[in-house]
Structure formats: structure tokens, C-alpha cells
Amino acid sequence: MTEEPVDHEVPPSQCPRCFAYLDRAGETDSKVRAPGPGDISICLHCGAILMFDDDMKLVYAPDEKITIEAYALSLLYYKPIVRVWVDGDGKVH
């Protein structure tokens, strides 16, 4: 019998890469516990590798905290962020 995925409510935060509103975190291992400060998370909107800071806000994870498993999982969700703007003369940049 397979176990149902477990997700946890976390304090609302925005992804620093794509600015998506994030308020849930899922389990990736057999330990069923809510995430805590220093835990790694992946933005399912853009694939950014994030970490919960001491206030449980999402920030970019420092390189030394990124595992190969987190990197591989982030590739499943990675989406390029393209920003286009028009300046005062009407040209697209």
C-alpha cells in the first residue's frame, strides 16, 4: 500500500525568483514532519531551490546547502523567467 503525500501549511511567503505565493510544503522523505528553519524547498512554479530562514520565509538556498537530490528535483520544475518591459520610447527590451 502506498502512502498518500503529506503537505504542511507554512507561513505565506513569495518565491524570490518568480514571486509566486507559497503557503504549503510537501514531504520528500519518509519522515512526516513540518519543515523548519534551514530546510530546503523547491518552488513548484519555477524550480528555484529555496531554504526556510529563521522566520520561515523562503530565501535562495546557499550553495553549500544544495544537495544533488534538490538540484535534480529542481530541474523537473525549472522554468525560465522572461521579463519584458517597454521604455518611454515604446521599444521592447
Protein backbone atom coordinates (compact mmCIF):
# COMPACT_ATOMS: atom_id res chain seq x y z
CA MET A 1 0.00 0.00 0.00
CA THR A 2 1.41 3.40 -0.95
CA GLU A 3 1.24 6.30 1.41
CA GLU A 4 -0.58 9.48 0.48
CA PRO A 5 1.66 12.54 0.06
CA VAL A 6 1.64 14.82 3.06
CA ASP A 7 1.75 18.58 2.84
CA HIS A 8 2.03 21.18 5.56
CA GLU A 9 0.86 24.74 5.89
CA VAL A 10 3.75 27.16 6.21
CA PRO A 11 3.75 30.93 6.75
CA PRO A 12 2.93 32.66 3.44
CA SER A 13 6.00 33.71 1.51
CA GLN A 14 6.96 34.66 -2.03
CA CYS A 15 9.47 32.85 -4.18
CA PRO A 16 12.38 35.29 -4.59
CA ARG A 17 12.80 34.13 -8.22
CA CYS A 18 9.28 34.10 -9.71
CA PHE A 19 7.36 35.86 -6.90
CA ALA A 20 4.79 33.04 -6.68
CA TYR A 21 2.74 32.96 -3.47
CA LEU A 22 3.73 29.87 -1.48
CA ASP A 23 1.97 28.64 1.64
CA ARG A 24 2.39 24.84 1.60
CA ALA A 25 5.32 22.43 1.75
CA GLY A 26 5.28 18.75 0.81
CA GLU A 27 7.23 15.78 2.11
CA THR A 28 10.09 14.27 0.14
CA ASP A 29 11.23 11.59 2.57
CA SER A 30 9.76 9.11 4.98
CA LYS A 31 9.88 11.49 7.95
CA VAL A 32 6.49 13.13 8.26
CA ARG A 33 7.21 16.48 9.84
CA ALA A 34 6.62 20.09 9.02
CA PRO A 35 9.61 21.97 7.61
CA GLY A 36 11.74 24.09 9.90
CA PRO A 37 14.37 26.81 9.58
CA GLY A 38 17.25 25.67 7.38
CA ASP A 39 15.18 23.11 5.47
CA ILE A 40 15.34 23.12 1.68
CA SER A 41 12.29 23.59 -0.54
CA ILE A 42 11.70 23.73 -4.29
CA CYS A 43 9.36 26.28 -5.86
CA LEU A 44 6.91 24.23 -7.94
CA HIS A 45 6.20 27.28 -10.10
CA CYS A 46 9.75 27.91 -11.34
CA GLY A 47 12.07 25.28 -9.84
CA ALA A 48 14.10 27.64 -7.65
CA ILE A 49 15.99 25.92 -4.82
CA LEU A 50 14.97 27.72 -1.66
CA MET A 51 15.51 27.48 2.07
CA PHE A 52 13.34 28.44 5.03
CA ASP A 53 15.06 31.19 7.04
CA ASP A 54 14.70 31.68 10.81
CA ASP A 55 11.32 33.41 10.28
CA MET A 56 10.15 30.59 7.95
CA LYS A 57 10.31 32.87 4.91
CA LEU A 58 11.71 31.43 1.69
CA VAL A 59 15.10 32.68 0.56
CA TYR A 60 17.59 31.39 -2.01
CA ALA A 61 19.42 28.37 -0.61
CA PRO A 62 23.17 28.87 -0.21
CA ASP A 63 25.29 26.63 -2.45
CA GLU A 64 26.64 24.60 0.48
CA LYS A 65 23.08 23.52 1.45
CA ILE A 66 22.06 22.32 -2.04
CA THR A 67 22.17 18.55 -2.40
CA ILE A 68 22.22 16.64 -5.67
CA GLU A 69 18.70 15.44 -4.88
CA ALA A 70 17.44 19.02 -4.51
CA TYR A 71 19.17 20.03 -7.73
CA ALA A 72 17.67 17.08 -9.65
CA LEU A 73 14.19 17.82 -8.30
CA SER A 74 14.51 21.50 -9.21
CA LEU A 75 15.18 20.51 -12.83
CA LEU A 76 11.73 18.88 -13.00
CA TYR A 77 10.09 22.22 -12.27
CA TYR A 78 12.58 24.69 -13.78
CA LYS A 79 11.04 27.36 -15.96
CA PRO A 80 12.95 30.28 -17.42
CA ILE A 81 11.76 33.64 -16.18
CA VAL A 82 11.43 36.11 -19.03
CA ARG A 83 10.71 39.73 -18.23
CA VAL A 84 9.91 42.18 -20.97
CA TRP A 85 9.49 45.88 -20.46
CA VAL A 86 8.79 48.85 -22.65
CA ASP A 87 10.65 52.07 -22.01
CA GLY A 88 9.42 55.58 -22.65
CA ASP A 89 10.13 55.46 -26.38
CA GLY A 90 7.93 52.37 -26.87
CA LYS A 91 10.81 49.96 -27.62
CA VAL A 92 10.65 46.48 -26.13
CA HIS A 93 13.72 45.40 -24.15
